[in-house]
Amino acid sequence: MSASNVLADRGIATAAELGVFSPDGKKWLIEGHGVDPDIVVDNLPNATFNGQDLQLETAIQYLRGMIKEKPVPVPAAPPYPDKRYTRSAGGGKAASIR
């Protein structure tokens, strides 16, 4: 990975400089493939241009179905912490806060 691509905000853009091979050493791994999607959705350019996002709509539909099929209860919030200011018993100094 090269770290010589410094950006205007002083961040760094890196890119692989060498190819990689499989753990068993039998084949080269192809760069740029990424992860295969769980649900294949074609986002048509004209629909995207018109403000539609079929991938997002499909994801929301899928998640709503999962929530309906296997709802997960929202856990109750714990009691609020006691953040009152207290003075020590002798001398009027504030209690140490850690």
PDB file of N, CA and C in Angstrom:
ATOM      1  N   MET A   1       0.839  -1.176   0.000  1.00  0.00           N
ATOM      2  CA  MET A   1       0.000   0.000   0.000  1.00  0.00           C
ATOM      3  C   MET A   1       0.884   1.239   0.000  1.00  0.00           C
ATOM      4  N   SER A   2       0.557   2.132  -0.842  1.00  0.00           N
ATOM      5  CA  SER A   2       1.286   3.379  -0.923  1.00  0.00           C
ATOM      6  C   SER A   2       0.634   4.406  -0.010  1.00  0.00           C
ATOM      7  N   ALA A   3       1.427   5.155   0.722  1.00  0.00           N
ATOM      8  CA  ALA A   3       0.900   6.192   1.606  1.00  0.00           C
ATOM      9  C   ALA A   3       1.370   7.567   1.155  1.00  0.00           C
ATOM     10  N   SER A   4       1.740   7.697  -0.097  1.00  0.00           N
ATOM     11  CA  SER A   4       2.275   8.964  -0.566  1.00  0.00           C
ATOM     12  C   SER A   4       1.217   9.860  -1.211  1.00  0.00           C
ATOM     13  N   ASN A   5      -0.030   9.461  -1.162  1.00  0.00           N
ATOM     14  CA  ASN A   5      -1.108  10.237  -1.775  1.00  0.00           C
ATOM     15  C   ASN A   5      -1.796  11.098  -0.722  1.00  0.00           C
ATOM     16  N   VAL A   6      -1.153  12.168  -0.307  1.00  0.00           N
ATOM     17  CA  VAL A   6      -1.700  13.037   0.728  1.00  0.00           C
ATOM     18  C   VAL A   6      -2.779  13.937   0.129  1.00  0.00           C
ATOM     19  N   LEU A   7      -3.926  14.017   0.798  1.00  0.00           N
ATOM     20  CA  LEU A   7      -5.059  14.798   0.331  1.00  0.00           C
ATOM     21  C   LEU A   7      -5.024  16.211   0.911  1.00  0.00           C
ATOM     22  N   ALA A   8      -5.911  17.075   0.436  1.00  0.00           N
ATOM     23  CA  ALA A   8      -5.947  18.469   0.869  1.00  0.00           C
ATOM     24  C   ALA A   8      -6.195  18.601   2.368  1.00  0.00           C
ATOM     25  N   ASP A   9      -6.972  17.658   2.945  1.00  0.00           N
ATOM     26  CA  ASP A   9      -7.258  17.732   4.378  1.00  0.00           C
ATOM     27  C   ASP A   9      -6.229  16.970   5.220  1.00  0.00           C
ATOM     28  N   ARG A  10      -5.106  16.645   4.599  1.00  0.00           N
ATOM     29  CA  ARG A  10      -3.981  15.920   5.201  1.00  0.00           C
ATOM     30  C   ARG A  10      -4.297  14.445   5.471  1.00  0.00           C
ATOM     31  N   GLY A  11      -5.388  13.969   4.899  1.00  0.00           N
ATOM     32  CA  GLY A  11      -5.672  12.542   4.946  1.00  0.00           C
ATOM     33  C   GLY A  11      -4.830  11.837   3.894  1.00  0.00           C
ATOM     34  N   ILE A  12      -4.931  10.526   3.850  1.00  0.00           N
ATOM     35  CA  ILE A  12      -4.129   9.756   2.894  1.00  0.00           C
ATOM     36  C   ILE A  12      -5.042   8.809   2.130  1.00  0.00           C
ATOM     37  N   ALA A  13      -4.901   8.763   0.831  1.00  0.00           N
ATOM     38  CA  ALA A  13      -5.601   7.803  -0.010  1.00  0.00           C
ATOM     39  C   ALA A  13      -4.601   6.710  -0.375  1.00  0.00           C
ATOM     40  N   THR A  14      -4.933   5.476  -0.068  1.00  0.00           N
ATOM     41  CA  THR A  14      -4.004   4.382  -0.349  1.00  0.00           C
ATOM     42  C   THR A  14      -4.572   3.482  -1.436  1.00  0.00           C
ATOM     43  N   ALA A  15      -3.700   2.839  -2.130  1.00  0.00           N
ATOM     44  CA  ALA A  15      -4.083   1.874  -3.163  1.00  0.00           C
ATOM     45  C   ALA A  15      -3.065   0.737  -3.165  1.00  0.00           C
ATOM     46  N   ALA A  16      -3.571  -0.458  -3.412  1.00  0.00           N
ATOM     47  CA  ALA A  16      -2.674  -1.607  -3.463  1.00  0.00           C
ATOM     48  C   ALA A  16      -1.697  -1.465  -4.618  1.00  0.00           C
ATOM     49  N   GLU A  17      -0.439  -1.798  -4.378  1.00  0.00           N
ATOM     50  CA  GLU A  17       0.580  -1.706  -5.420  1.00  0.00           C
ATOM     51  C   GLU A  17       0.983  -3.072  -5.960  1.00  0.00           C
ATOM     52  N   LEU A  18       0.644  -4.119  -5.238  1.00  0.00           N
ATOM     53  CA  LEU A  18       1.035  -5.467  -5.632  1.00  0.00           C
ATOM     54  C   LEU A  18      -0.185  -6.374  -5.643  1.00  0.00           C
ATOM     55  N   GLY A  19      -0.177  -7.369  -6.506  1.00  0.00           N
ATOM     56  CA  GLY A  19      -1.243  -8.355  -6.523  1.00  0.00           C
ATOM     57  C   GLY A  19      -1.111  -9.297  -5.336  1.00  0.00           C
ATOM     58  N   VAL A  20      -2.201  -9.957  -4.988  1.00  0.00           N
ATOM     59  CA  VAL A  20      -2.183 -10.918  -3.893  1.00  0.00           C
ATOM     60  C   VAL A  20      -2.604 -12.279  -4.410  1.00  0.00           C
ATOM     61  N   PHE A  21      -2.172 -13.317  -3.696  1.00  0.00           N
ATOM     62  CA  PHE A  21      -2.549 -14.658  -4.107  1.00  0.00           C
ATOM     63  C   PHE A  21      -3.273 -15.352  -2.965  1.00  0.00           C
ATOM     64  N   SER A  22      -3.939 -16.456  -3.284  1.00  0.00           N
ATOM     65  CA  SER A  22      -4.742 -17.188  -2.313  1.00  0.00           C
ATOM     66  C   SER A  22      -3.871 -17.777  -1.210  1.00  0.00           C
ATOM     67  N   PRO A  23      -4.466 -18.045  -0.043  1.00  0.00           N
ATOM     68  CA  PRO A  23      -3.686 -18.602   1.072  1.00  0.00           C
ATOM     69  C   PRO A  23      -2.972 -19.919   0.731  1.00  0.00           C
ATOM     70  N   ASP A  24      -3.556 -20.700  -0.179  1.00  0.00           N
ATOM     71  CA  ASP A  24      -2.899 -21.955  -0.540  1.00  0.00           C
ATOM     72  C   ASP A  24      -1.818 -21.756  -1.608  1.00  0.00           C
ATOM     73  N   GLY A  25      -1.703 -20.522  -2.120  1.00  0.00           N
ATOM     74  CA  GLY A  25      -0.661 -20.208  -3.087  1.00  0.00           C
ATOM     75  C   GLY A  25      -0.884 -20.759  -4.476  1.00  0.00           C
ATOM     76  N   LYS A  26      -2.111 -21.164  -4.798  1.00  0.00           N
ATOM     77  CA  LYS A  26      -2.362 -21.797  -6.094  1.00  0.00           C
ATOM     78  C   LYS A  26      -2.899 -20.851  -7.158  1.00  0.00           C
ATOM     79  N   LYS A  27      -3.417 -19.682  -6.750  1.00  0.00           N
ATOM     80  CA  LYS A  27      -3.948 -18.777  -7.767  1.00  0.00           C
ATOM     81  C   LYS A  27      -3.847 -17.325  -7.301  1.00  0.00           C
ATOM     82  N   TRP A  28      -3.807 -16.432  -8.287  1.00  0.00           N
ATOM     83  CA  TRP A  28      -3.807 -15.006  -8.001  1.00  0.00           C
ATOM     84  C   TRP A  28      -5.241 -14.559  -7.773  1.00  0.00           C
ATOM     85  N   LEU A  29      -5.450 -13.671  -6.807  1.00  0.00           N
ATOM     86  CA  LEU A  29      -6.778 -13.133  -6.543  1.00  0.00           C
ATOM     87  C   LEU A  29      -6.977 -11.889  -7.394  1.00  0.00           C
ATOM     88  N   ILE A  30      -8.127 -11.773  -7.967  1.00  0.00           N
ATOM     89  CA  ILE A  30      -8.413 -10.665  -8.872  1.00  0.00           C
ATOM     90  C   ILE A  30      -8.797  -9.434  -8.064  1.00  0.00           C
ATOM     91  N   GLU A  31      -8.135  -8.331  -8.357  1.00  0.00           N
ATOM     92  CA  GLU A  31      -8.456  -7.068  -7.694  1.00  0.00           C
ATOM     93  C   GLU A  31      -9.772  -6.534  -8.227  1.00  0.00           C
ATOM     94  N   GLY A  32     -10.495  -5.803  -7.402  1.00  0.00           N
ATOM     95  CA  GLY A  32     -11.687  -5.107  -7.848  1.00  0.00           C
ATOM     96  C   GLY A  32     -12.950  -5.942  -7.892  1.00  0.00           C
ATOM     97  N   HIS A  33     -12.934  -7.186  -7.435  1.00  0.00           N
ATOM     98  CA  HIS A  33     -14.150  -7.999  -7.472  1.00  0.00           C
ATOM     99  C   HIS A  33     -15.081  -7.644  -6.325  1.00  0.00           C
ATOM    100  N   GLY A  34     -14.573  -7.518  -5.126  1.00  0.00           N
ATOM    101  CA  GLY A  34     -15.400  -7.186  -3.971  1.00  0.00           C
ATOM    102  C   GLY A  34     -16.189  -8.379  -3.471  1.00  0.00           C
ATOM    103  N   VAL A  35     -17.256  -8.100  -2.756  1.00  0.00           N
ATOM    104  CA  VAL A  35     -18.084  -9.131  -2.137  1.00  0.00           C
ATOM    105  C   VAL A  35     -19.351  -9.303  -2.958  1.00  0.00           C
ATOM    106  N   ASP A  36     -19.734 -10.545  -3.200  1.00  0.00           N
ATOM    107  CA  ASP A  36     -20.975 -10.799  -3.923  1.00  0.00           C
ATOM    108  C   ASP A  36     -22.162 -10.405  -3.047  1.00  0.00           C
ATOM    109  N   PRO A  37     -23.158  -9.718  -3.612  1.00  0.00           N
ATOM    110  CA  PRO A  37     -24.304  -9.272  -2.813  1.00  0.00           C
ATOM    111  C   PRO A  37     -25.206 -10.437  -2.422  1.00  0.00           C
ATOM    112  N   ASP A  38     -25.911 -10.278  -1.298  1.00  0.00           N
ATOM    113  CA  ASP A  38     -26.893 -11.276  -0.876  1.00  0.00           C
ATOM    114  C   ASP A  38     -28.121 -11.224  -1.781  1.00  0.00           C
ATOM    115  N   ILE A  39     -28.488 -10.024  -2.198  1.00  0.00           N
ATOM    116  CA  ILE A  39     -29.630  -9.823  -3.091  1.00  0.00           C
ATOM    117  C   ILE A  39     -29.128  -9.006  -4.285  1.00  0.00           C
ATOM    118  N   VAL A  40     -29.269  -9.562  -5.476  1.00  0.00           N
ATOM    119  CA  VAL A  40     -28.811  -8.861  -6.672  1.00  0.00           C
ATOM    120  C   VAL A  40     -29.915  -7.922  -7.149  1.00  0.00           C
ATOM    121  N   VAL A  41     -29.592  -6.644  -7.275  1.00  0.00           N
ATOM    122  CA  VAL A  41     -30.557  -5.630  -7.715  1.00  0.00           C
ATOM    123  C   VAL A  41     -29.899  -4.782  -8.788  1.00  0.00           C
ATOM    124  N   ASP A  42     -30.573  -4.640  -9.916  1.00  0.00           N
ATOM    125  CA  ASP A  42     -30.067  -3.771 -10.974  1.00  0.00           C
ATOM    126  C   ASP A  42     -30.609  -2.363 -10.747  1.00  0.00           C
ATOM    127  N   ASN A  43     -29.710  -1.418 -10.511  1.00  0.00           N
ATOM    128  CA  ASN A  43     -30.094  -0.017 -10.378  1.00  0.00           C
ATOM    129  C   ASN A  43     -29.981   0.612 -11.762  1.00  0.00           C
ATOM    130  N   LEU A  44     -31.093   0.771 -12.419  1.00  0.00           N
ATOM    131  CA  LEU A  44     -31.074   1.303 -13.779  1.00  0.00           C
ATOM    132  C   LEU A  44     -30.710   2.784 -13.776  1.00  0.00           C
ATOM    133  N   PRO A  45     -29.826   3.204 -14.687  1.00  0.00           N
ATOM    134  CA  PRO A  45     -29.369   4.600 -14.704  1.00  0.00           C
ATOM    135  C   PRO A  45     -30.499   5.618 -14.824  1.00  0.00           C
ATOM    136  N   ASN A  46     -31.503   5.334 -15.671  1.00  0.00           N
ATOM    137  CA  ASN A  46     -32.587   6.308 -15.824  1.00  0.00           C
ATOM    138  C   ASN A  46     -33.419   6.421 -14.551  1.00  0.00           C
ATOM    139  N   ALA A  47     -33.597   5.319 -13.804  1.00  0.00           N
ATOM    140  CA  ALA A  47     -34.333   5.368 -12.542  1.00  0.00           C
ATOM    141  C   ALA A  47     -33.546   6.173 -11.503  1.00  0.00           C
ATOM    142  N   THR A  48     -32.248   5.960 -11.460  1.00  0.00           N
ATOM    143  CA  THR A  48     -31.400   6.711 -10.537  1.00  0.00           C
ATOM    144  C   THR A  48     -31.450   8.189 -10.875  1.00  0.00           C
ATOM    145  N   PHE A  49     -31.403   8.511 -12.159  1.00  0.00           N
ATOM    146  CA  PHE A  49     -31.483   9.905 -12.601  1.00  0.00           C
ATOM    147  C   PHE A  49     -32.794  10.544 -12.158  1.00  0.00           C
ATOM    148  N   ASN A  50     -33.862   9.738 -12.111  1.00  0.00           N
ATOM    149  CA  ASN A  50     -35.176  10.243 -11.703  1.00  0.00           C
ATOM    150  C   ASN A  50     -35.384  10.187 -10.194  1.00  0.00           C
ATOM    151  N   GLY A  51     -34.314   9.906  -9.441  1.00  0.00           N
ATOM    152  CA  GLY A  51     -34.399   9.945  -7.983  1.00  0.00           C
ATOM    153  C   GLY A  51     -34.802   8.650  -7.324  1.00  0.00           C
ATOM    154  N   GLN A  52     -34.881   7.570  -8.075  1.00  0.00           N
ATOM    155  CA  GLN A  52     -35.231   6.276  -7.495  1.00  0.00           C
ATOM    156  C   GLN A  52     -33.963   5.498  -7.176  1.00  0.00           C
ATOM    157  N   ASP A  53     -34.022   4.719  -6.120  1.00  0.00           N
ATOM    158  CA  ASP A  53     -32.875   3.889  -5.735  1.00  0.00           C
ATOM    159  C   ASP A  53     -33.409   2.499  -5.419  1.00  0.00           C
ATOM    160  N   LEU A  54     -33.430   1.631  -6.415  1.00  0.00           N
ATOM    161  CA  LEU A  54     -34.001   0.298  -6.250  1.00  0.00           C
ATOM    162  C   LEU A  54     -33.230  -0.528  -5.227  1.00  0.00           C
ATOM    163  N   GLN A  55     -31.919  -0.312  -5.129  1.00  0.00           N
ATOM    164  CA  GLN A  55     -31.136  -1.047  -4.130  1.00  0.00           C
ATOM    165  C   GLN A  55     -31.581  -0.671  -2.720  1.00  0.00           C
ATOM    166  N   LEU A  56     -31.748   0.627  -2.477  1.00  0.00           N
ATOM    167  CA  LEU A  56     -32.200   1.086  -1.164  1.00  0.00           C
ATOM    168  C   LEU A  56     -33.610   0.605  -0.879  1.00  0.00           C
ATOM    169  N   GLU A  57     -34.505   0.722  -1.847  1.00  0.00           N
ATOM    170  CA  GLU A  57     -35.887   0.285  -1.668  1.00  0.00           C
ATOM    171  C   GLU A  57     -35.950  -1.219  -1.375  1.00  0.00           C
ATOM    172  N   THR A  58     -35.139  -2.005  -2.081  1.00  0.00           N
ATOM    173  CA  THR A  58     -35.106  -3.448  -1.858  1.00  0.00           C
ATOM    174  C   THR A  58     -34.571  -3.773  -0.466  1.00  0.00           C
ATOM    175  N   ALA A  59     -33.542  -3.052  -0.030  1.00  0.00           N
ATOM    176  CA  ALA A  59     -32.974  -3.271   1.301  1.00  0.00           C
ATOM    177  C   ALA A  59     -33.997  -2.955   2.385  1.00  0.00           C
ATOM    178  N   ILE A  60     -34.719  -1.845   2.228  1.00  0.00           N
ATOM    179  CA  ILE A  60     -35.736  -1.470   3.219  1.00  0.00           C
ATOM    180  C   ILE A  60     -36.846  -2.511   3.257  1.00  0.00           C
ATOM    181  N   GLN A  61     -37.284  -2.955   2.094  1.00  0.00           N
ATOM    182  CA  GLN A  61     -38.328  -3.987   2.027  1.00  0.00           C
ATOM    183  C   GLN A  61     -37.847  -5.270   2.711  1.00  0.00           C
ATOM    184  N   TYR A  62     -36.621  -5.671   2.450  1.00  0.00           N
ATOM    185  CA  TYR A  62     -36.060  -6.879   3.060  1.00  0.00           C
ATOM    186  C   TYR A  62     -36.001  -6.734   4.582  1.00  0.00           C
ATOM    187  N   LEU A  63     -35.502  -5.592   5.065  1.00  0.00           N
ATOM    188  CA  LEU A  63     -35.370  -5.393   6.514  1.00  0.00           C
ATOM    189  C   LEU A  63     -36.722  -5.312   7.205  1.00  0.00           C
ATOM    190  N   ARG A  64     -37.695  -4.676   6.557  1.00  0.00           N
ATOM    191  CA  ARG A  64     -39.037  -4.643   7.142  1.00  0.00           C
ATOM    192  C   ARG A  64     -39.602  -6.062   7.278  1.00  0.00           C
ATOM    193  N   GLY A  65     -39.359  -6.896   6.281  1.00  0.00           N
ATOM    194  CA  GLY A  65     -39.795  -8.289   6.358  1.00  0.00           C
ATOM    195  C   GLY A  65     -39.103  -9.031   7.488  1.00  0.00           C
ATOM    196  N   MET A  66     -37.802  -8.793   7.658  1.00  0.00           N
ATOM    197  CA  MET A  66     -37.064  -9.433   8.747  1.00  0.00           C
ATOM    198  C   MET A  66     -37.585  -8.980  10.114  1.00  0.00           C
ATOM    199  N   ILE A  67     -37.887  -7.681  10.238  1.00  0.00           N
ATOM    200  CA  ILE A  67     -38.398  -7.163  11.505  1.00  0.00           C
ATOM    201  C   ILE A  67     -39.768  -7.775  11.805  1.00  0.00           C
ATOM    202  N   LYS A  68     -40.595  -7.940  10.775  1.00  0.00           N
ATOM    203  CA  LYS A  68     -41.920  -8.528  10.965  1.00  0.00           C
ATOM    204  C   LYS A  68     -41.807 -10.010  11.316  1.00  0.00           C
ATOM    205  N   GLU A  69     -40.866 -10.685  10.644  1.00  0.00           N
ATOM    206  CA  GLU A  69     -40.686 -12.125  10.849  1.00  0.00           C
ATOM    207  C   GLU A  69     -40.024 -12.442  12.189  1.00  0.00           C
ATOM    208  N   LYS A  70     -39.015 -11.684  12.552  1.00  0.00           N
ATOM    209  CA  LYS A  70     -38.265 -11.931  13.795  1.00  0.00           C
ATOM    210  C   LYS A  70     -38.077 -10.608  14.541  1.00  0.00           C
ATOM    211  N   PRO A  71     -39.130 -10.098  15.184  1.00  0.00           N
ATOM    212  CA  PRO A  71     -38.979  -8.819  15.881  1.00  0.00           C
ATOM    213  C   PRO A  71     -37.999  -8.929  17.051  1.00  0.00           C
ATOM    214  N   VAL A  72     -37.261  -7.877  17.261  1.00  0.00           N
ATOM    215  CA  VAL A  72     -36.304  -7.815  18.368  1.00  0.00           C
ATOM    216  C   VAL A  72     -36.782  -6.718  19.321  1.00  0.00           C
ATOM    217  N   PRO A  73     -37.047  -7.081  20.585  1.00  0.00           N
ATOM    218  CA  PRO A  73     -37.531  -6.063  21.514  1.00  0.00           C
ATOM    219  C   PRO A  73     -36.448  -5.017  21.799  1.00  0.00           C
ATOM    220  N   VAL A  74     -36.894  -3.780  21.976  1.00  0.00           N
ATOM    221  CA  VAL A  74     -35.971  -2.699  22.305  1.00  0.00           C
ATOM    222  C   VAL A  74     -35.686  -2.786  23.805  1.00  0.00           C
ATOM    223  N   PRO A  75     -34.414  -2.881  24.201  1.00  0.00           N
ATOM    224  CA  PRO A  75     -34.112  -2.997  25.631  1.00  0.00           C
ATOM    225  C   PRO A  75     -34.445  -1.706  26.373  1.00  0.00           C
ATOM    226  N   ALA A  76     -34.829  -1.856  27.641  1.00  0.00           N
ATOM    227  CA  ALA A  76     -35.124  -0.694  28.475  1.00  0.00           C
ATOM    228  C   ALA A  76     -33.823   0.021  28.812  1.00  0.00           C
ATOM    229  N   ALA A  77     -33.899   1.333  28.906  1.00  0.00           N
ATOM    230  CA  ALA A  77     -32.717   2.123  29.265  1.00  0.00           C
ATOM    231  C   ALA A  77     -32.391   1.913  30.742  1.00  0.00           C
ATOM    232  N   PRO A  78     -31.105   1.896  31.097  1.00  0.00           N
ATOM    233  CA  PRO A  78     -30.752   1.762  32.517  1.00  0.00           C
ATOM    234  C   PRO A  78     -31.092   3.048  33.263  1.00  0.00           C
ATOM    235  N   PRO A  79     -31.092   3.001  34.592  1.00  0.00           N
ATOM    236  CA  PRO A  79     -31.371   4.224  35.353  1.00  0.00           C
ATOM    237  C   PRO A  79     -30.341   5.306  35.028  1.00  0.00           C
ATOM    238  N   TYR A  80     -30.783   6.557  35.073  1.00  0.00           N
ATOM    239  CA  TYR A  80     -29.871   7.663  34.819  1.00  0.00           C
ATOM    240  C   TYR A  80     -28.814   7.725  35.914  1.00  0.00           C
ATOM    241  N   PRO A  81     -27.572   8.085  35.551  1.00  0.00           N
ATOM    242  CA  PRO A  81     -26.522   8.180  36.575  1.00  0.00           C
ATOM    243  C   PRO A  81     -26.753   9.403  37.472  1.00  0.00           C
ATOM    244  N   ASP A  82     -26.284   9.299  38.695  1.00  0.00           N
ATOM    245  CA  ASP A  82     -26.381  10.414  39.651  1.00  0.00           C
ATOM    246  C   ASP A  82     -25.174  11.308  39.432  1.00  0.00           C
ATOM    247  N   LYS A  83     -25.385  12.479  38.855  1.00  0.00           N
ATOM    248  CA  LYS A  83     -24.281  13.390  38.549  1.00  0.00           C
ATOM    249  C   LYS A  83     -24.341  14.646  39.413  1.00  0.00           C
ATOM    250  N   ARG A  84     -24.986  14.521  40.574  1.00  0.00           N
ATOM    251  CA  ARG A  84     -25.073  15.684  41.444  1.00  0.00           C
ATOM    252  C   ARG A  84     -23.694  16.043  41.997  1.00  0.00           C
ATOM    253  N   TYR A  85     -23.484  17.328  42.191  1.00  0.00           N
ATOM    254  CA  TYR A  85     -22.249  17.828  42.774  1.00  0.00           C
ATOM    255  C   TYR A  85     -22.351  17.661  44.281  1.00  0.00           C
ATOM    256  N   THR A  86     -21.356  17.031  44.869  1.00  0.00           N
ATOM    257  CA  THR A  86     -21.352  16.850  46.324  1.00  0.00           C
ATOM    258  C   THR A  86     -20.074  17.411  46.903  1.00  0.00           C
ATOM    259  N   ARG A  87     -20.178  17.888  48.150  1.00  0.00           N
ATOM    260  CA  ARG A  87     -19.003  18.399  48.870  1.00  0.00           C
ATOM    261  C   ARG A  87     -18.576  17.352  49.885  1.00  0.00           C
ATOM    262  N   SER A  88     -17.267  17.312  50.138  1.00  0.00           N
ATOM    263  CA  SER A  88     -16.775  16.378  51.151  1.00  0.00           C
ATOM    264  C   SER A  88     -17.172  16.883  52.532  1.00  0.00           C
ATOM    265  N   ALA A  89     -17.124  16.008  53.536  1.00  0.00           N
ATOM    266  CA  ALA A  89     -17.598  16.328  54.881  1.00  0.00           C
ATOM    267  C   ALA A  89     -16.751  17.398  55.560  1.00  0.00           C
ATOM    268  N   GLY A  90     -15.467  17.436  55.369  1.00  0.00           N
ATOM    269  CA  GLY A  90     -14.656  18.393  56.121  1.00  0.00           C
ATOM    270  C   GLY A  90     -13.849  19.303  55.209  1.00  0.00           C
ATOM    271  N   GLY A  91     -14.015  20.609  55.327  1.00  0.00           N
ATOM    272  CA  GLY A  91     -13.187  21.547  54.600  1.00  0.00           C
ATOM    273  C   GLY A  91     -13.812  22.142  53.364  1.00  0.00           C
ATOM    274  N   GLY A  92     -14.935  21.653  52.934  1.00  0.00           N
ATOM    275  CA  GLY A  92     -15.613  22.266  51.818  1.00  0.00           C
ATOM    276  C   GLY A  92     -15.007  22.020  50.459  1.00  0.00           C
ATOM    277  N   LYS A  93     -14.062  21.114  50.348  1.00  0.00           N
ATOM    278  CA  LYS A  93     -13.493  20.795  49.033  1.00  0.00           C
ATOM    279  C   LYS A  93     -14.424  19.876  48.282  1.00  0.00           C
ATOM    280  N   ALA A  94     -14.428  20.024  46.994  1.00  0.00           N
ATOM    281  CA  ALA A  94     -15.284  19.166  46.152  1.00  0.00           C
ATOM    282  C   ALA A  94     -14.752  17.751  46.156  1.00  0.00           C
ATOM    283  N   ALA A  95     -15.665  16.815  46.075  1.00  0.00           N
ATOM    284  CA  ALA A  95     -15.287  15.411  45.995  1.00  0.00           C
ATOM    285  C   ALA A  95     -14.531  15.185  44.682  1.00  0.00           C
ATOM    286  N   SER A  96     -13.564  14.326  44.728  1.00  0.00           N
ATOM    287  CA  SER A  96     -12.795  14.072  43.507  1.00  0.00           C
ATOM    288  C   SER A  96     -13.675  13.341  42.487  1.00  0.00           C
ATOM    289  N   ILE A  97     -13.512  13.726  41.265  1.00  0.00           N
ATOM    290  CA  ILE A  97     -14.270  13.115  40.178  1.00  0.00           C
ATOM    291  C   ILE A  97     -13.287  12.313  39.333  1.00  0.00           C
ATOM    292  N   ARG A  98     -13.620  11.090  39.091  1.00  0.00           N
ATOM    293  CA  ARG A  98     -12.730  10.224  38.307  1.00  0.00           C
ATOM    294  C   ARG A  98     -13.428   9.770  37.074  1.00  0.00           C
TER     295      ARG A  98
END
